[in-house]
Amino acid sequence: MAENIDHEKVKATLSKLVDVLKDSHKGFTELGKHIKDEPTRLFFLKETQERANFAGELENELHRLGVADVHQSGMVSGTLHRAWGELKANLGGGDHALLATAEQGEDVAKKAYKLALEEHLPADIRDVLTRQQTHIVASHDRVRDLRDAKVSS
């Protein structure tokens, strides 16, 4: 039985995730510059590379689906953009404020993957997204735990 997949919808779904990942990359880069706790700072710098790698994987899938130019603009979720925008406002608020902002951004990334995986996707793309989602959820939980540890310290 042949799958009845709307490839345009798959392309749009992957494009949205690329935007989310690129926005996360930018936010994590800023966090890596401003977090004072060294292990936490290194975590965010490592995550910038993960997000770039994930975006690259999805861009490769888009190329495979026939999208020649995968540079995205103007599609970033308003919520994610606002969450990372708050980062700049919280730069003077210490690590806890920065981590709280990071968790908001991670909430949006988690939701984006959840919604993407609700779509009718080819199995190979679903596998990539499921693997990436597992990492995104673990990263969210780590950010949440780091934030909570800053409250008690």
N, C-alpha and C. Protein backbone atom coordinates (compact mmCIF):
# COMPACT_ATOMS: atom_id res chain seq x y z
N MET A 1 0.84 -1.18 0.00
CA MET A 1 0.00 0.00 0.00
C MET A 1 0.88 1.24 0.00
N ALA A 2 0.72 2.08 -0.97
CA ALA A 2 1.52 3.30 -1.08
C ALA A 2 1.05 4.34 -0.07
N GLU A 3 2.01 5.03 0.51
CA GLU A 3 1.67 6.09 1.46
C GLU A 3 1.15 7.30 0.71
N ASN A 4 0.14 7.93 1.26
CA ASN A 4 -0.42 9.14 0.68
C ASN A 4 0.08 10.33 1.50
N ILE A 5 1.28 10.77 1.19
CA ILE A 5 1.93 11.83 1.96
C ILE A 5 1.92 13.12 1.15
N ASP A 6 1.53 14.19 1.81
CA ASP A 6 1.54 15.52 1.21
C ASP A 6 2.95 16.09 1.37
N HIS A 7 3.74 16.01 0.31
CA HIS A 7 5.14 16.43 0.39
C HIS A 7 5.29 17.93 0.65
N GLU A 8 4.32 18.71 0.21
CA GLU A 8 4.40 20.16 0.50
C GLU A 8 4.24 20.41 1.99
N LYS A 9 3.36 19.64 2.62
CA LYS A 9 3.16 19.77 4.06
C LYS A 9 4.41 19.29 4.81
N VAL A 10 5.03 18.23 4.32
CA VAL A 10 6.27 17.74 4.93
C VAL A 10 7.35 18.82 4.84
N LYS A 11 7.47 19.44 3.68
CA LYS A 11 8.45 20.51 3.49
C LYS A 11 8.18 21.67 4.46
N ALA A 12 6.92 22.05 4.60
CA ALA A 12 6.57 23.16 5.50
C ALA A 12 6.88 22.79 6.95
N THR A 13 6.60 21.55 7.32
CA THR A 13 6.87 21.09 8.69
C THR A 13 8.36 21.12 8.97
N LEU A 14 9.16 20.61 8.05
CA LEU A 14 10.61 20.61 8.25
C LEU A 14 11.17 22.03 8.26
N SER A 15 10.63 22.89 7.42
CA SER A 15 11.09 24.28 7.38
C SER A 15 10.83 24.98 8.72
N LYS A 16 9.66 24.73 9.30
CA LYS A 16 9.36 25.33 10.60
C LYS A 16 10.34 24.85 11.67
N LEU A 17 10.66 23.56 11.64
CA LEU A 17 11.60 23.03 12.62
C LEU A 17 13.01 23.61 12.41
N VAL A 18 13.40 23.79 11.17
CA VAL A 18 14.70 24.41 10.89
C VAL A 18 14.74 25.81 11.52
N ASP A 19 13.66 26.56 11.36
CA ASP A 19 13.59 27.89 11.97
C ASP A 19 13.72 27.82 13.48
N VAL A 20 13.01 26.90 14.10
CA VAL A 20 13.06 26.74 15.56
C VAL A 20 14.48 26.40 15.99
N LEU A 21 15.11 25.50 15.27
CA LEU A 21 16.48 25.09 15.62
C LEU A 21 17.47 26.23 15.45
N LYS A 22 17.32 26.99 14.39
CA LYS A 22 18.22 28.12 14.19
C LYS A 22 18.01 29.19 15.26
N ASP A 23 16.77 29.40 15.65
CA ASP A 23 16.50 30.36 16.71
C ASP A 23 17.07 29.86 18.04
N SER A 24 16.92 28.56 18.31
CA SER A 24 17.51 27.98 19.51
C SER A 24 19.02 28.13 19.50
N HIS A 25 19.61 27.90 18.35
CA HIS A 25 21.06 28.04 18.21
C HIS A 25 21.49 29.46 18.61
N LYS A 26 20.77 30.45 18.10
CA LYS A 26 21.12 31.84 18.43
C LYS A 26 20.95 32.10 19.92
N GLY A 27 19.85 31.63 20.49
CA GLY A 27 19.62 31.84 21.91
C GLY A 27 20.66 31.16 22.77
N PHE A 28 21.01 29.92 22.42
CA PHE A 28 22.01 29.20 23.20
C PHE A 28 23.39 29.85 23.05
N THR A 29 23.68 30.40 21.89
CA THR A 29 24.94 31.11 21.71
C THR A 29 25.02 32.29 22.67
N GLU A 30 23.93 33.05 22.76
CA GLU A 30 23.90 34.19 23.70
C GLU A 30 24.05 33.71 25.14
N LEU A 31 23.35 32.64 25.48
CA LEU A 31 23.47 32.11 26.84
C LEU A 31 24.91 31.70 27.14
N GLY A 32 25.53 31.06 26.18
CA GLY A 32 26.92 30.63 26.38
C GLY A 32 27.86 31.79 26.63
N LYS A 33 27.52 32.96 26.14
CA LYS A 33 28.35 34.14 26.36
C LYS A 33 28.12 34.76 27.73
N HIS A 34 26.93 34.53 28.33
CA HIS A 34 26.56 35.29 29.52
C HIS A 34 26.39 34.47 30.80
N ILE A 35 26.21 33.17 30.68
CA ILE A 35 26.08 32.33 31.88
C ILE A 35 27.40 32.34 32.62
N LYS A 36 27.34 32.54 33.91
CA LYS A 36 28.56 32.62 34.72
C LYS A 36 29.06 31.24 35.16
N ASP A 37 28.16 30.32 35.44
CA ASP A 37 28.54 28.98 35.88
C ASP A 37 29.19 28.23 34.72
N GLU A 38 30.43 27.84 34.88
CA GLU A 38 31.21 27.25 33.78
C GLU A 38 30.60 25.96 33.21
N PRO A 39 30.24 24.96 34.03
CA PRO A 39 29.63 23.75 33.44
C PRO A 39 28.34 24.06 32.69
N THR A 40 27.55 24.97 33.20
CA THR A 40 26.30 25.34 32.53
C THR A 40 26.60 26.06 31.22
N ARG A 41 27.57 26.94 31.25
CA ARG A 41 27.97 27.65 30.04
C ARG A 41 28.44 26.67 28.97
N LEU A 42 29.22 25.69 29.37
CA LEU A 42 29.71 24.68 28.42
C LEU A 42 28.56 23.83 27.86
N PHE A 43 27.57 23.54 28.70
CA PHE A 43 26.39 22.81 28.22
C PHE A 43 25.72 23.59 27.09
N PHE A 44 25.52 24.89 27.28
CA PHE A 44 24.85 25.68 26.25
C PHE A 44 25.69 25.79 24.99
N LEU A 45 26.99 25.91 25.14
CA LEU A 45 27.83 25.97 23.94
C LEU A 45 27.78 24.64 23.18
N LYS A 46 27.74 23.52 23.90
CA LYS A 46 27.60 22.21 23.25
C LYS A 46 26.25 22.12 22.53
N GLU A 47 25.21 22.63 23.18
CA GLU A 47 23.88 22.59 22.57
C GLU A 47 23.80 23.42 21.30
N THR A 48 24.58 24.50 21.21
CA THR A 48 24.56 25.28 19.97
C THR A 48 24.96 24.40 18.80
N GLN A 49 25.96 23.54 19.03
CA GLN A 49 26.42 22.64 17.97
C GLN A 49 25.35 21.59 17.65
N GLU A 50 24.71 21.07 18.68
CA GLU A 50 23.64 20.08 18.45
C GLU A 50 22.53 20.69 17.60
N ARG A 51 22.11 21.91 17.93
CA ARG A 51 21.03 22.55 17.18
C ARG A 51 21.45 22.79 15.74
N ALA A 52 22.69 23.20 15.54
CA ALA A 52 23.18 23.40 14.17
C ALA A 52 23.19 22.07 13.41
N ASN A 53 23.62 21.01 14.08
CA ASN A 53 23.63 19.69 13.43
C ASN A 53 22.22 19.24 13.07
N PHE A 54 21.28 19.43 14.00
CA PHE A 54 19.90 19.04 13.74
C PHE A 54 19.33 19.83 12.57
N ALA A 55 19.57 21.13 12.55
CA ALA A 55 19.09 21.96 11.45
C ALA A 55 19.69 21.48 10.13
N GLY A 56 20.98 21.15 10.14
CA GLY A 56 21.64 20.64 8.95
C GLY A 56 21.01 19.34 8.45
N GLU A 57 20.68 18.46 9.38
CA GLU A 57 20.01 17.21 9.00
C GLU A 57 18.69 17.49 8.30
N LEU A 58 17.92 18.40 8.88
CA LEU A 58 16.61 18.70 8.29
C LEU A 58 16.75 19.43 6.97
N GLU A 59 17.76 20.28 6.87
CA GLU A 59 18.01 20.94 5.58
C GLU A 59 18.36 19.90 4.52
N ASN A 60 19.14 18.89 4.88
CA ASN A 60 19.45 17.82 3.94
C ASN A 60 18.19 17.09 3.49
N GLU A 61 17.27 16.86 4.43
CA GLU A 61 15.99 16.23 4.07
C GLU A 61 15.21 17.13 3.11
N LEU A 62 15.22 18.42 3.37
CA LEU A 62 14.54 19.36 2.47
C LEU A 62 15.16 19.32 1.07
N HIS A 63 16.48 19.27 1.01
CA HIS A 63 17.15 19.15 -0.30
C HIS A 63 16.70 17.87 -1.00
N ARG A 64 16.64 16.79 -0.24
CA ARG A 64 16.23 15.50 -0.80
C ARG A 64 14.80 15.56 -1.33
N LEU A 65 13.98 16.40 -0.71
CA LEU A 65 12.59 16.58 -1.15
C LEU A 65 12.45 17.60 -2.28
N GLY A 66 13.60 18.13 -2.73
CA GLY A 66 13.57 19.03 -3.89
C GLY A 66 13.61 20.51 -3.57
N VAL A 67 13.81 20.88 -2.32
CA VAL A 67 13.90 22.29 -1.96
C VAL A 67 15.34 22.74 -2.24
N ALA A 68 15.50 23.63 -3.18
CA ALA A 68 16.85 24.07 -3.57
C ALA A 68 17.43 25.06 -2.56
N ASP A 69 16.62 26.00 -2.11
CA ASP A 69 17.10 27.04 -1.19
C ASP A 69 16.36 26.88 0.13
N VAL A 70 17.08 26.43 1.13
CA VAL A 70 16.43 26.16 2.42
C VAL A 70 16.61 27.29 3.42
N HIS A 71 17.16 28.39 2.97
CA HIS A 71 17.30 29.54 3.88
C HIS A 71 15.92 30.07 4.20
N GLN A 72 15.62 30.10 5.47
CA GLN A 72 14.29 30.50 5.91
C GLN A 72 14.33 31.92 6.43
N SER A 73 13.20 32.60 6.31
CA SER A 73 13.09 33.93 6.91
C SER A 73 11.63 34.23 7.20
N GLY A 74 11.39 34.86 8.32
CA GLY A 74 10.05 35.30 8.64
C GLY A 74 9.09 34.22 9.11
N MET A 75 9.55 33.00 9.32
CA MET A 75 8.65 31.94 9.73
C MET A 75 8.79 31.60 11.20
N VAL A 76 9.71 32.24 11.89
CA VAL A 76 9.97 31.90 13.28
C VAL A 76 8.71 32.15 14.10
N SER A 77 8.40 31.18 14.94
CA SER A 77 7.25 31.30 15.83
C SER A 77 7.37 32.55 16.67
N GLY A 78 6.29 33.33 16.73
CA GLY A 78 6.29 34.54 17.55
C GLY A 78 6.60 34.23 18.99
N THR A 79 6.11 33.11 19.50
CA THR A 79 6.36 32.73 20.89
C THR A 79 7.84 32.48 21.12
N LEU A 80 8.46 31.72 20.23
CA LEU A 80 9.88 31.43 20.39
C LEU A 80 10.69 32.71 20.27
N HIS A 81 10.34 33.54 19.31
CA HIS A 81 11.06 34.79 19.13
C HIS A 81 10.96 35.66 20.39
N ARG A 82 9.77 35.73 20.98
CA ARG A 82 9.59 36.51 22.21
C ARG A 82 10.38 35.90 23.36
N ALA A 83 10.37 34.58 23.47
CA ALA A 83 11.09 33.93 24.57
C ALA A 83 12.58 34.25 24.49
N TRP A 84 13.16 34.11 23.31
CA TRP A 84 14.59 34.41 23.20
C TRP A 84 14.83 35.91 23.26
N GLY A 85 13.83 36.70 22.85
CA GLY A 85 13.95 38.15 22.98
C GLY A 85 14.04 38.56 24.44
N GLU A 86 13.34 37.83 25.31
CA GLU A 86 13.42 38.11 26.74
C GLU A 86 14.83 37.85 27.28
N LEU A 87 15.57 37.01 26.59
CA LEU A 87 16.94 36.73 27.00
C LEU A 87 17.73 38.02 27.11
N LYS A 88 17.62 38.86 26.12
CA LYS A 88 18.36 40.12 26.15
C LYS A 88 17.95 40.97 27.35
N ALA A 89 16.65 40.97 27.66
CA ALA A 89 16.16 41.75 28.80
C ALA A 89 16.67 41.18 30.12
N ASN A 90 16.92 39.88 30.16
CA ASN A 90 17.33 39.22 31.40
C ASN A 90 18.84 39.09 31.55
N LEU A 91 19.60 39.65 30.63
CA LEU A 91 21.05 39.47 30.70
C LEU A 91 21.64 39.97 32.01
N GLY A 92 21.04 40.96 32.62
CA GLY A 92 21.54 41.46 33.89
C GLY A 92 20.95 40.74 35.09
N GLY A 93 20.05 39.78 34.87
CA GLY A 93 19.34 39.13 35.96
C GLY A 93 20.01 37.91 36.53
N GLY A 94 21.19 37.59 36.09
CA GLY A 94 21.90 36.43 36.63
C GLY A 94 21.50 35.14 35.93
N ASP A 95 22.19 34.08 36.34
CA ASP A 95 22.01 32.78 35.69
C ASP A 95 20.57 32.26 35.81
N HIS A 96 19.92 32.46 36.95
CA HIS A 96 18.56 31.94 37.10
C HIS A 96 17.62 32.56 36.07
N ALA A 97 17.68 33.87 35.90
CA ALA A 97 16.82 34.54 34.92
C ALA A 97 17.12 34.06 33.51
N LEU A 98 18.39 33.87 33.20
CA LEU A 98 18.76 33.38 31.87
C LEU A 98 18.25 31.97 31.65
N LEU A 99 18.38 31.13 32.67
CA LEU A 99 17.92 29.74 32.55
C LEU A 99 16.39 29.67 32.44
N ALA A 100 15.69 30.56 33.13
CA ALA A 100 14.23 30.59 33.01
C ALA A 100 13.83 30.95 31.58
N THR A 101 14.53 31.88 30.99
CA THR A 101 14.25 32.26 29.61
C THR A 101 14.57 31.11 28.67
N ALA A 102 15.69 30.43 28.92
CA ALA A 102 16.06 29.29 28.09
C ALA A 102 15.00 28.20 28.16
N GLU A 103 14.45 27.98 29.34
CA GLU A 103 13.42 26.95 29.46
C GLU A 103 12.18 27.32 28.64
N GLN A 104 11.82 28.59 28.62
CA GLN A 104 10.68 29.03 27.80
C GLN A 104 10.93 28.71 26.33
N GLY A 105 12.14 28.98 25.87
CA GLY A 105 12.50 28.66 24.49
C GLY A 105 12.44 27.16 24.23
N GLU A 106 12.88 26.38 25.21
CA GLU A 106 12.86 24.93 25.07
C GLU A 106 11.43 24.40 25.07
N ASP A 107 10.53 25.05 25.83
CA ASP A 107 9.12 24.65 25.80
C ASP A 107 8.57 24.77 24.38
N VAL A 108 8.93 25.85 23.71
CA VAL A 108 8.45 26.07 22.34
C VAL A 108 9.06 25.03 21.40
N ALA A 109 10.33 24.71 21.57
CA ALA A 109 10.97 23.70 20.72
C ALA A 109 10.31 22.33 20.93
N LYS A 110 10.04 21.98 22.18
CA LYS A 110 9.36 20.71 22.47
C LYS A 110 8.00 20.66 21.76
N LYS A 111 7.26 21.74 21.86
CA LYS A 111 5.93 21.79 21.25
C LYS A 111 6.04 21.68 19.72
N ALA A 112 7.03 22.34 19.14
CA ALA A 112 7.21 22.29 17.69
C ALA A 112 7.46 20.85 17.21
N TYR A 113 8.28 20.11 17.95
CA TYR A 113 8.53 18.72 17.58
C TYR A 113 7.30 17.86 17.79
N LYS A 114 6.58 18.09 18.88
CA LYS A 114 5.35 17.33 19.14
C LYS A 114 4.36 17.53 17.99
N LEU A 115 4.16 18.77 17.58
CA LEU A 115 3.24 19.06 16.48
C LEU A 115 3.73 18.45 15.17
N ALA A 116 5.02 18.54 14.93
CA ALA A 116 5.58 17.98 13.69
C ALA A 116 5.34 16.47 13.63
N LEU A 117 5.52 15.81 14.76
CA LEU A 117 5.36 14.35 14.77
C LEU A 117 3.89 13.92 14.72
N GLU A 118 2.98 14.86 14.84
CA GLU A 118 1.56 14.55 14.66
C GLU A 118 1.18 14.54 13.18
N GLU A 119 2.08 15.04 12.35
CA GLU A 119 1.85 15.08 10.90
C GLU A 119 2.08 13.70 10.28
N HIS A 120 1.52 13.51 9.10
CA HIS A 120 1.73 12.28 8.33
C HIS A 120 3.05 12.44 7.58
N LEU A 121 4.09 11.75 8.07
CA LEU A 121 5.44 11.92 7.56
C LEU A 121 5.99 10.60 7.03
N PRO A 122 6.92 10.67 6.08
CA PRO A 122 7.61 9.44 5.66
C PRO A 122 8.36 8.85 6.86
N ALA A 123 8.47 7.55 6.89
CA ALA A 123 9.07 6.85 8.04
C ALA A 123 10.49 7.31 8.33
N ASP A 124 11.30 7.54 7.29
CA ASP A 124 12.69 7.94 7.52
C ASP A 124 12.76 9.32 8.17
N ILE A 125 11.90 10.22 7.76
CA ILE A 125 11.87 11.56 8.35
C ILE A 125 11.33 11.49 9.78
N ARG A 126 10.30 10.67 9.99
CA ARG A 126 9.75 10.49 11.33
C ARG A 126 10.85 9.98 12.28
N ASP A 127 11.67 9.06 11.80
CA ASP A 127 12.77 8.53 12.63
C ASP A 127 13.75 9.63 13.02
N VAL A 128 14.11 10.49 12.07
CA VAL A 128 15.03 11.59 12.35
C VAL A 128 14.41 12.53 13.39
N LEU A 129 13.15 12.88 13.19
CA LEU A 129 12.48 13.81 14.12
C LEU A 129 12.31 13.19 15.50
N THR A 130 12.01 11.92 15.57
CA THR A 130 11.86 11.26 16.87
C THR A 130 13.18 11.26 17.63
N ARG A 131 14.26 10.98 16.93
CA ARG A 131 15.59 11.01 17.56
C ARG A 131 15.92 12.41 18.05
N GLN A 132 15.67 13.40 17.20
CA GLN A 132 15.95 14.79 17.59
C GLN A 132 15.05 15.21 18.75
N GLN A 133 13.78 14.81 18.71
CA GLN A 133 12.86 15.18 19.79
C GLN A 133 13.33 14.62 21.13
N THR A 134 13.84 13.40 21.13
CA THR A 134 14.35 12.81 22.37
C THR A 134 15.44 13.70 22.97
N HIS A 135 16.32 14.20 22.13
CA HIS A 135 17.38 15.09 22.59
C HIS A 135 16.81 16.43 23.07
N ILE A 136 15.86 16.98 22.33
CA ILE A 136 15.26 18.27 22.69
C ILE A 136 14.59 18.16 24.06
N VAL A 137 13.86 17.09 24.30
CA VAL A 137 13.18 16.90 25.59
C VAL A 137 14.22 16.76 26.71
N ALA A 138 15.27 15.99 26.47
CA ALA A 138 16.31 15.83 27.49
C ALA A 138 17.00 17.17 27.77
N SER A 139 17.23 17.95 26.73
CA SER A 139 17.84 19.27 26.90
C SER A 139 16.92 20.17 27.71
N HIS A 140 15.64 20.16 27.38
CA HIS A 140 14.66 20.95 28.14
C HIS A 140 14.71 20.58 29.62
N ASP A 141 14.71 19.29 29.89
CA ASP A 141 14.72 18.84 31.28
C ASP A 141 16.00 19.25 31.99
N ARG A 142 17.11 19.22 31.28
CA ARG A 142 18.38 19.65 31.88
C ARG A 142 18.34 21.14 32.18
N VAL A 143 17.82 21.94 31.26
CA VAL A 143 17.70 23.39 31.48
C VAL A 143 16.80 23.65 32.68
N ARG A 144 15.68 22.95 32.75
CA ARG A 144 14.77 23.11 33.89
C ARG A 144 15.46 22.78 35.21
N ASP A 145 16.21 21.67 35.21
CA ASP A 145 16.92 21.26 36.43
C ASP A 145 18.00 22.26 36.80
N LEU A 146 18.71 22.79 35.81
CA LEU A 146 19.73 23.81 36.09
C LEU A 146 19.09 25.06 36.66
N ARG A 147 17.95 25.45 36.09
CA ARG A 147 17.23 26.63 36.60
C ARG A 147 16.80 26.40 38.04
N ASP A 148 16.21 25.24 38.32
CA ASP A 148 15.74 24.94 39.66
C ASP A 148 16.90 24.90 40.66
N ALA A 149 18.05 24.42 40.23
CA ALA A 149 19.22 24.37 41.12
C ALA A 149 19.71 25.76 41.47
N LYS A 150 19.53 26.71 40.56
CA LYS A 150 19.94 28.09 40.81
C LYS A 150 19.05 28.77 41.85
N VAL A 151 17.79 28.33 41.96
CA VAL A 151 16.89 28.88 42.96
C VAL A 151 17.33 28.46 44.36
N SER A 152 17.74 27.18 44.47
CA SER A 152 18.09 26.65 45.79
C SER A 152 19.52 26.96 46.19
N SER A 153 20.31 27.48 45.27
CA SER A 153 21.71 27.75 45.64
C SER A 153 21.91 29.19 46.04
